[in-house]
Amino acid sequence: MKSTGMVRKVDELGRIVLPAELRQSMDIQERDHMEIFTEGNRIILQKYHPGCIFCQNVDRIVDFQGKKICSECLAKLKDMA
């Protein structure tokens, strides 16, 4: 995990502002949905992608090394090997 050196306070409603530089580098736009995970004592934010990372299909999704891929695209990847 890479440290950014950025520190922000949690406000009275529990909100944290993500710095503009970070949002730009991670392609996070206004109104984007974010997923929240915990790992031990860490909180992890990730831009929410409900469908396949290749075709955006939301049917028959499998998790492959932390990425969501539909079964059709996974089959295409296997055929390429």
PDB file of N, CA and C in Angstrom:
ATOM      1  N   MET A   1       0.848  -1.169   0.000  1.00  0.00           N
ATOM      2  CA  MET A   1       0.000   0.000   0.000  1.00  0.00           C
ATOM      3  C   MET A   1       0.893   1.231   0.000  1.00  0.00           C
ATOM      4  N   LYS A   2       0.546   2.199  -0.836  1.00  0.00           N
ATOM      5  CA  LYS A   2       1.353   3.400  -1.010  1.00  0.00           C
ATOM      6  C   LYS A   2       0.782   4.550  -0.176  1.00  0.00           C
ATOM      7  N   SER A   3       1.624   5.224   0.584  1.00  0.00           N
ATOM      8  CA  SER A   3       1.200   6.370   1.380  1.00  0.00           C
ATOM      9  C   SER A   3       1.199   7.619   0.506  1.00  0.00           C
ATOM     10  N   THR A   4       0.159   8.445   0.661  1.00  0.00           N
ATOM     11  CA  THR A   4       0.081   9.690  -0.105  1.00  0.00           C
ATOM     12  C   THR A   4       0.636  10.867   0.678  1.00  0.00           C
ATOM     13  N   GLY A   5       0.758  10.723   1.988  1.00  0.00           N
ATOM     14  CA  GLY A   5       1.210  11.824   2.826  1.00  0.00           C
ATOM     15  C   GLY A   5       0.122  12.844   3.103  1.00  0.00           C
ATOM     16  N   MET A   6      -1.097  12.572   2.635  1.00  0.00           N
ATOM     17  CA  MET A   6      -2.225  13.482   2.833  1.00  0.00           C
ATOM     18  C   MET A   6      -2.978  13.090   4.089  1.00  0.00           C
ATOM     19  N   VAL A   7      -3.330  14.081   4.903  1.00  0.00           N
ATOM     20  CA  VAL A   7      -4.078  13.835   6.137  1.00  0.00           C
ATOM     21  C   VAL A   7      -5.323  14.716   6.114  1.00  0.00           C
ATOM     22  N   ARG A   8      -6.463  14.143   6.446  1.00  0.00           N
ATOM     23  CA  ARG A   8      -7.720  14.888   6.494  1.00  0.00           C
ATOM     24  C   ARG A   8      -8.438  14.574   7.795  1.00  0.00           C
ATOM     25  N   LYS A   9      -9.209  15.557   8.301  1.00  0.00           N
ATOM     26  CA  LYS A   9     -10.015  15.360   9.509  1.00  0.00           C
ATOM     27  C   LYS A   9     -11.382  14.814   9.145  1.00  0.00           C
ATOM     28  N   VAL A  10     -11.946  14.023  10.046  1.00  0.00           N
ATOM     29  CA  VAL A  10     -13.320  13.562   9.915  1.00  0.00           C
ATOM     30  C   VAL A  10     -14.204  14.660  10.500  1.00  0.00           C
ATOM     31  N   ASP A  11     -15.234  15.102   9.753  1.00  0.00           N
ATOM     32  CA  ASP A  11     -16.100  16.164  10.277  1.00  0.00           C
ATOM     33  C   ASP A  11     -17.159  15.598  11.211  1.00  0.00           C
ATOM     34  N   GLU A  12     -18.033  16.461  11.709  1.00  0.00           N
ATOM     35  CA  GLU A  12     -19.033  16.055  12.708  1.00  0.00           C
ATOM     36  C   GLU A  12     -20.057  15.055  12.166  1.00  0.00           C
ATOM     37  N   LEU A  13     -20.166  14.940  10.838  1.00  0.00           N
ATOM     38  CA  LEU A  13     -21.076  13.965  10.234  1.00  0.00           C
ATOM     39  C   LEU A  13     -20.351  12.695   9.774  1.00  0.00           C
ATOM     40  N   GLY A  14     -19.060  12.595  10.092  1.00  0.00           N
ATOM     41  CA  GLY A  14     -18.283  11.417   9.725  1.00  0.00           C
ATOM     42  C   GLY A  14     -17.734  11.448   8.310  1.00  0.00           C
ATOM     43  N   ARG A  15     -17.733  12.617   7.682  1.00  0.00           N
ATOM     44  CA  ARG A  15     -17.269  12.739   6.296  1.00  0.00           C
ATOM     45  C   ARG A  15     -15.780  13.091   6.235  1.00  0.00           C
ATOM     46  N   ILE A  16     -15.175  12.651   5.144  1.00  0.00           N
ATOM     47  CA  ILE A  16     -13.779  12.975   4.846  1.00  0.00           C
ATOM     48  C   ILE A  16     -13.751  13.478   3.403  1.00  0.00           C
ATOM     49  N   VAL A  17     -13.059  14.574   3.158  1.00  0.00           N
ATOM     50  CA  VAL A  17     -12.918  15.088   1.800  1.00  0.00           C
ATOM     51  C   VAL A  17     -11.699  14.433   1.156  1.00  0.00           C
ATOM     52  N   LEU A  18     -11.916  13.848  -0.025  1.00  0.00           N
ATOM     53  CA  LEU A  18     -10.802  13.280  -0.785  1.00  0.00           C
ATOM     54  C   LEU A  18     -10.151  14.413  -1.574  1.00  0.00           C
ATOM     55  N   PRO A  19      -8.854  14.610  -1.442  1.00  0.00           N
ATOM     56  CA  PRO A  19      -8.180  15.699  -2.149  1.00  0.00           C
ATOM     57  C   PRO A  19      -8.375  15.608  -3.666  1.00  0.00           C
ATOM     58  N   ALA A  20      -8.474  16.779  -4.316  1.00  0.00           N
ATOM     59  CA  ALA A  20      -8.702  16.834  -5.766  1.00  0.00           C
ATOM     60  C   ALA A  20      -7.651  16.056  -6.541  1.00  0.00           C
ATOM     61  N   GLU A  21      -6.386  16.154  -6.127  1.00  0.00           N
ATOM     62  CA  GLU A  21      -5.314  15.446  -6.843  1.00  0.00           C
ATOM     63  C   GLU A  21      -5.538  13.935  -6.823  1.00  0.00           C
ATOM     64  N   LEU A  22      -6.002  13.428  -5.693  1.00  0.00           N
ATOM     65  CA  LEU A  22      -6.270  12.000  -5.545  1.00  0.00           C
ATOM     66  C   LEU A  22      -7.467  11.592  -6.392  1.00  0.00           C
ATOM     67  N   ARG A  23      -8.531  12.395  -6.359  1.00  0.00           N
ATOM     68  CA  ARG A  23      -9.720  12.095  -7.171  1.00  0.00           C
ATOM     69  C   ARG A  23      -9.367  12.084  -8.650  1.00  0.00           C
ATOM     70  N   GLN A  24      -8.558  13.035  -9.090  1.00  0.00           N
ATOM     71  CA  GLN A  24      -8.172  13.096 -10.505  1.00  0.00           C
ATOM     72  C   GLN A  24      -7.327  11.892 -10.900  1.00  0.00           C
ATOM     73  N   SER A  25      -6.364  11.546 -10.070  1.00  0.00           N
ATOM     74  CA  SER A  25      -5.478  10.431 -10.418  1.00  0.00           C
ATOM     75  C   SER A  25      -6.202   9.087 -10.400  1.00  0.00           C
ATOM     76  N   MET A  26      -7.273   8.983  -9.612  1.00  0.00           N
ATOM     77  CA  MET A  26      -8.036   7.738  -9.526  1.00  0.00           C
ATOM     78  C   MET A  26      -9.316   7.772 -10.359  1.00  0.00           C
ATOM     79  N   ASP A  27      -9.491   8.841 -11.159  1.00  0.00           N
ATOM     80  CA  ASP A  27     -10.669   9.032 -12.015  1.00  0.00           C
ATOM     81  C   ASP A  27     -11.968   8.905 -11.212  1.00  0.00           C
ATOM     82  N   ILE A  28     -12.024   9.582 -10.074  1.00  0.00           N
ATOM     83  CA  ILE A  28     -13.230   9.615  -9.244  1.00  0.00           C
ATOM     84  C   ILE A  28     -13.923  10.938  -9.512  1.00  0.00           C
ATOM     85  N   GLN A  29     -15.150  10.854 -10.036  1.00  0.00           N
ATOM     86  CA  GLN A  29     -15.922  12.040 -10.388  1.00  0.00           C
ATOM     87  C   GLN A  29     -16.991  12.313  -9.338  1.00  0.00           C
ATOM     88  N   GLU A  30     -17.522  13.535  -9.363  1.00  0.00           N
ATOM     89  CA  GLU A  30     -18.643  13.888  -8.493  1.00  0.00           C
ATOM     90  C   GLU A  30     -19.780  12.903  -8.738  1.00  0.00           C
ATOM     91  N   ARG A  31     -20.406  12.440  -7.681  1.00  0.00           N
ATOM     92  CA  ARG A  31     -21.541  11.509  -7.712  1.00  0.00           C
ATOM     93  C   ARG A  31     -21.162  10.062  -8.015  1.00  0.00           C
ATOM     94  N   ASP A  32     -19.876   9.747  -8.192  1.00  0.00           N
ATOM     95  CA  ASP A  32     -19.468   8.344  -8.355  1.00  0.00           C
ATOM     96  C   ASP A  32     -19.765   7.591  -7.065  1.00  0.00           C
ATOM     97  N   HIS A  33     -20.115   6.334  -7.203  1.00  0.00           N
ATOM     98  CA  HIS A  33     -20.338   5.483  -6.039  1.00  0.00           C
ATOM     99  C   HIS A  33     -19.008   4.881  -5.608  1.00  0.00           C
ATOM    100  N   MET A  34     -18.831   4.755  -4.300  1.00  0.00           N
ATOM    101  CA  MET A  34     -17.617   4.195  -3.740  1.00  0.00           C
ATOM    102  C   MET A  34     -17.973   2.985  -2.883  1.00  0.00           C
ATOM    103  N   GLU A  35     -17.184   1.932  -2.975  1.00  0.00           N
ATOM    104  CA  GLU A  35     -17.325   0.765  -2.105  1.00  0.00           C
ATOM    105  C   GLU A  35     -16.410   0.965  -0.911  1.00  0.00           C
ATOM    106  N   ILE A  36     -16.844   0.477   0.241  1.00  0.00           N
ATOM    107  CA  ILE A  36     -16.056   0.590   1.471  1.00  0.00           C
ATOM    108  C   ILE A  36     -15.772  -0.812   1.994  1.00  0.00           C
ATOM    109  N   PHE A  37     -14.496  -1.095   2.210  1.00  0.00           N
ATOM    110  CA  PHE A  37     -14.060  -2.387   2.732  1.00  0.00           C
ATOM    111  C   PHE A  37     -13.252  -2.157   3.998  1.00  0.00           C
ATOM    112  N   THR A  38     -13.143  -3.178   4.798  1.00  0.00           N
ATOM    113  CA  THR A  38     -12.208  -3.132   5.920  1.00  0.00           C
ATOM    114  C   THR A  38     -11.257  -4.320   5.781  1.00  0.00           C
ATOM    115  N   GLU A  39     -10.033  -4.100   6.195  1.00  0.00           N
ATOM    116  CA  GLU A  39      -9.013  -5.147   6.202  1.00  0.00           C
ATOM    117  C   GLU A  39      -8.197  -4.933   7.465  1.00  0.00           C
ATOM    118  N   GLY A  40      -8.457  -5.769   8.462  1.00  0.00           N
ATOM    119  CA  GLY A  40      -7.810  -5.538   9.749  1.00  0.00           C
ATOM    120  C   GLY A  40      -8.272  -4.205  10.303  1.00  0.00           C
ATOM    121  N   ASN A  41      -7.337  -3.317  10.604  1.00  0.00           N
ATOM    122  CA  ASN A  41      -7.707  -2.005  11.140  1.00  0.00           C
ATOM    123  C   ASN A  41      -7.678  -0.922  10.057  1.00  0.00           C
ATOM    124  N   ARG A  42      -7.742  -1.307   8.791  1.00  0.00           N
ATOM    125  CA  ARG A  42      -7.715  -0.353   7.674  1.00  0.00           C
ATOM    126  C   ARG A  42      -9.094  -0.230   7.037  1.00  0.00           C
ATOM    127  N   ILE A  43      -9.391   0.966   6.550  1.00  0.00           N
ATOM    128  CA  ILE A  43     -10.594   1.223   5.764  1.00  0.00           C
ATOM    129  C   ILE A  43     -10.141   1.451   4.339  1.00  0.00           C
ATOM    130  N   ILE A  44     -10.746   0.734   3.396  1.00  0.00           N
ATOM    131  CA  ILE A  44     -10.352   0.821   1.995  1.00  0.00           C
ATOM    132  C   ILE A  44     -11.527   1.341   1.188  1.00  0.00           C
ATOM    133  N   LEU A  45     -11.297   2.390   0.409  1.00  0.00           N
ATOM    134  CA  LEU A  45     -12.300   2.944  -0.499  1.00  0.00           C
ATOM    135  C   LEU A  45     -11.927   2.543  -1.913  1.00  0.00           C
ATOM    136  N   GLN A  46     -12.942   2.180  -2.696  1.00  0.00           N
ATOM    137  CA  GLN A  46     -12.690   1.782  -4.074  1.00  0.00           C
ATOM    138  C   GLN A  46     -13.862   2.256  -4.924  1.00  0.00           C
ATOM    139  N   LYS A  47     -13.581   2.784  -6.093  1.00  0.00           N
ATOM    140  CA  LYS A  47     -14.639   3.192  -7.005  1.00  0.00           C
ATOM    141  C   LYS A  47     -15.491   1.965  -7.323  1.00  0.00           C
ATOM    142  N   TYR A  48     -16.807   2.123  -7.235  1.00  0.00           N
ATOM    143  CA  TYR A  48     -17.728   1.001  -7.403  1.00  0.00           C
ATOM    144  C   TYR A  48     -17.968   0.714  -8.881  1.00  0.00           C
ATOM    145  N   HIS A  49     -17.715  -0.516  -9.284  1.00  0.00           N
ATOM    146  CA  HIS A  49     -17.996  -1.000 -10.632  1.00  0.00           C
ATOM    147  C   HIS A  49     -18.858  -2.255 -10.481  1.00  0.00           C
ATOM    148  N   PRO A  50     -20.182  -2.141 -10.681  1.00  0.00           N
ATOM    149  CA  PRO A  50     -21.041  -3.306 -10.452  1.00  0.00           C
ATOM    150  C   PRO A  50     -20.900  -4.397 -11.493  1.00  0.00           C
ATOM    151  N   GLY A  51     -20.430  -4.071 -12.692  1.00  0.00           N
ATOM    152  CA  GLY A  51     -20.373  -5.051 -13.764  1.00  0.00           C
ATOM    153  C   GLY A  51     -18.956  -5.417 -14.154  1.00  0.00           C
ATOM    154  N   CYS A  52     -18.891  -6.180 -15.221  1.00  0.00           N
ATOM    155  CA  CYS A  52     -17.629  -6.657 -15.781  1.00  0.00           C
ATOM    156  C   CYS A  52     -16.728  -5.474 -16.127  1.00  0.00           C
ATOM    157  N   ILE A  53     -15.452  -5.572 -15.796  1.00  0.00           N
ATOM    158  CA  ILE A  53     -14.521  -4.470 -16.068  1.00  0.00           C
ATOM    159  C   ILE A  53     -14.284  -4.287 -17.573  1.00  0.00           C
ATOM    160  N   PHE A  54     -14.623  -5.287 -18.381  1.00  0.00           N
ATOM    161  CA  PHE A  54     -14.408  -5.190 -19.821  1.00  0.00           C
ATOM    162  C   PHE A  54     -15.660  -4.752 -20.576  1.00  0.00           C
ATOM    163  N   CYS A  55     -16.822  -5.371 -20.282  1.00  0.00           N
ATOM    164  CA  CYS A  55     -18.027  -5.109 -21.082  1.00  0.00           C
ATOM    165  C   CYS A  55     -19.178  -4.507 -20.270  1.00  0.00           C
ATOM    166  N   GLN A  56     -19.008  -4.346 -18.973  1.00  0.00           N
ATOM    167  CA  GLN A  56     -20.018  -3.781 -18.064  1.00  0.00           C
ATOM    168  C   GLN A  56     -21.236  -4.679 -17.854  1.00  0.00           C
ATOM    169  N   ASN A  57     -21.208  -5.896 -18.373  1.00  0.00           N
ATOM    170  CA  ASN A  57     -22.286  -6.859 -18.160  1.00  0.00           C
ATOM    171  C   ASN A  57     -22.419  -7.122 -16.658  1.00  0.00           C
ATOM    172  N   VAL A  58     -23.640  -7.231 -16.153  1.00  0.00           N
ATOM    173  CA  VAL A  58     -23.834  -7.482 -14.726  1.00  0.00           C
ATOM    174  C   VAL A  58     -24.330  -8.902 -14.443  1.00  0.00           C
ATOM    175  N   ASP A  59     -24.451  -9.718 -15.492  1.00  0.00           N
ATOM    176  CA  ASP A  59     -24.898 -11.100 -15.327  1.00  0.00           C
ATOM    177  C   ASP A  59     -23.709 -12.045 -15.233  1.00  0.00           C
ATOM    178  N   ARG A  60     -23.849 -13.063 -14.405  1.00  0.00           N
ATOM    179  CA  ARG A  60     -22.832 -14.120 -14.243  1.00  0.00           C
ATOM    180  C   ARG A  60     -21.440 -13.556 -14.014  1.00  0.00           C
ATOM    181  N   ILE A  61     -21.318 -12.707 -13.009  1.00  0.00           N
ATOM    182  CA  ILE A  61     -20.051 -12.077 -12.657  1.00  0.00           C
ATOM    183  C   ILE A  61     -19.267 -12.987 -11.724  1.00  0.00           C
ATOM    184  N   VAL A  62     -17.974 -13.101 -11.978  1.00  0.00           N
ATOM    185  CA  VAL A  62     -17.078 -13.826 -11.086  1.00  0.00           C
ATOM    186  C   VAL A  62     -15.994 -12.867 -10.623  1.00  0.00           C
ATOM    187  N   ASP A  63     -15.447 -13.126  -9.462  1.00  0.00           N
ATOM    188  CA  ASP A  63     -14.359 -12.308  -8.937  1.00  0.00           C
ATOM    189  C   ASP A  63     -13.045 -12.974  -9.319  1.00  0.00           C
ATOM    190  N   PHE A  64     -12.231 -12.272 -10.078  1.00  0.00           N
ATOM    191  CA  PHE A  64     -10.941 -12.802 -10.502  1.00  0.00           C
ATOM    192  C   PHE A  64      -9.859 -11.838 -10.052  1.00  0.00           C
ATOM    193  N   GLN A  65      -9.104 -12.235  -9.051  1.00  0.00           N
ATOM    194  CA  GLN A  65      -8.010 -11.432  -8.492  1.00  0.00           C
ATOM    195  C   GLN A  65      -8.460 -10.004  -8.167  1.00  0.00           C
ATOM    196  N   GLY A  66      -9.621  -9.913  -7.519  1.00  0.00           N
ATOM    197  CA  GLY A  66     -10.126  -8.619  -7.066  1.00  0.00           C
ATOM    198  C   GLY A  66     -10.861  -7.815  -8.119  1.00  0.00           C
ATOM    199  N   LYS A  67     -11.025  -8.350  -9.311  1.00  0.00           N
ATOM    200  CA  LYS A  67     -11.735  -7.664 -10.396  1.00  0.00           C
ATOM    201  C   LYS A  67     -12.980  -8.453 -10.755  1.00  0.00           C
ATOM    202  N   LYS A  68     -14.038  -7.739 -11.154  1.00  0.00           N
ATOM    203  CA  LYS A  68     -15.282  -8.389 -11.564  1.00  0.00           C
ATOM    204  C   LYS A  68     -15.248  -8.624 -13.067  1.00  0.00           C
ATOM    205  N   ILE A  69     -15.433  -9.885 -13.463  1.00  0.00           N
ATOM    206  CA  ILE A  69     -15.391 -10.264 -14.873  1.00  0.00           C
ATOM    207  C   ILE A  69     -16.574 -11.192 -15.143  1.00  0.00           C
ATOM    208  N   CYS A  70     -17.275 -10.954 -16.256  1.00  0.00           N
ATOM    209  CA  CYS A  70     -18.392 -11.843 -16.599  1.00  0.00           C
ATOM    210  C   CYS A  70     -17.819 -13.136 -17.184  1.00  0.00           C
ATOM    211  N   SER A  71     -18.636 -14.165 -17.167  1.00  0.00           N
ATOM    212  CA  SER A  71     -18.157 -15.470 -17.621  1.00  0.00           C
ATOM    213  C   SER A  71     -17.776 -15.457 -19.101  1.00  0.00           C
ATOM    214  N   GLU A  72     -18.464 -14.628 -19.914  1.00  0.00           N
ATOM    215  CA  GLU A  72     -18.138 -14.553 -21.341  1.00  0.00           C
ATOM    216  C   GLU A  72     -16.736 -13.966 -21.553  1.00  0.00           C
ATOM    217  N   CYS A  73     -16.433 -12.870 -20.886  1.00  0.00           N
ATOM    218  CA  CYS A  73     -15.109 -12.252 -21.033  1.00  0.00           C
ATOM    219  C   CYS A  73     -14.017 -13.149 -20.446  1.00  0.00           C
ATOM    220  N   LEU A  74     -14.329 -13.842 -19.364  1.00  0.00           N
ATOM    221  CA  LEU A  74     -13.356 -14.760 -18.781  1.00  0.00           C
ATOM    222  C   LEU A  74     -13.024 -15.879 -19.768  1.00  0.00           C
ATOM    223  N   ALA A  75     -14.046 -16.389 -20.469  1.00  0.00           N
ATOM    224  CA  ALA A  75     -13.826 -17.427 -21.475  1.00  0.00           C
ATOM    225  C   ALA A  75     -12.952 -16.900 -22.613  1.00  0.00           C
ATOM    226  N   LYS A  76     -13.196 -15.648 -23.032  1.00  0.00           N
ATOM    227  CA  LYS A  76     -12.378 -15.038 -24.090  1.00  0.00           C
ATOM    228  C   LYS A  76     -10.916 -14.911 -23.647  1.00  0.00           C
ATOM    229  N   LEU A  77     -10.705 -14.548 -22.377  1.00  0.00           N
ATOM    230  CA  LEU A  77      -9.346 -14.435 -21.866  1.00  0.00           C
ATOM    231  C   LEU A  77      -8.648 -15.796 -21.862  1.00  0.00           C
ATOM    232  N   LYS A  78      -9.389 -16.837 -21.493  1.00  0.00           N
ATOM    233  CA  LYS A  78      -8.813 -18.183 -21.482  1.00  0.00           C
ATOM    234  C   LYS A  78      -8.440 -18.608 -22.891  1.00  0.00           C
ATOM    235  N   ASP A  79      -9.264 -18.234 -23.883  1.00  0.00           N
ATOM    236  CA  ASP A  79      -8.994 -18.596 -25.282  1.00  0.00           C
ATOM    237  C   ASP A  79      -7.733 -17.915 -25.809  1.00  0.00           C
ATOM    238  N   MET A  80      -7.399 -16.738 -25.266  1.00  0.00           N
ATOM    239  CA  MET A  80      -6.224 -15.989 -25.710  1.00  0.00           C
ATOM    240  C   MET A  80      -4.929 -16.642 -25.253  1.00  0.00           C
ATOM    241  N   ALA A  81      -4.999 -17.418 -24.167  1.00  0.00           N
ATOM    242  CA  ALA A  81      -3.785 -18.012 -23.589  1.00  0.00           C
ATOM    243  C   ALA A  81      -3.254 -19.175 -24.390  1.00  0.00           C
TER     244      ALA A  81
END
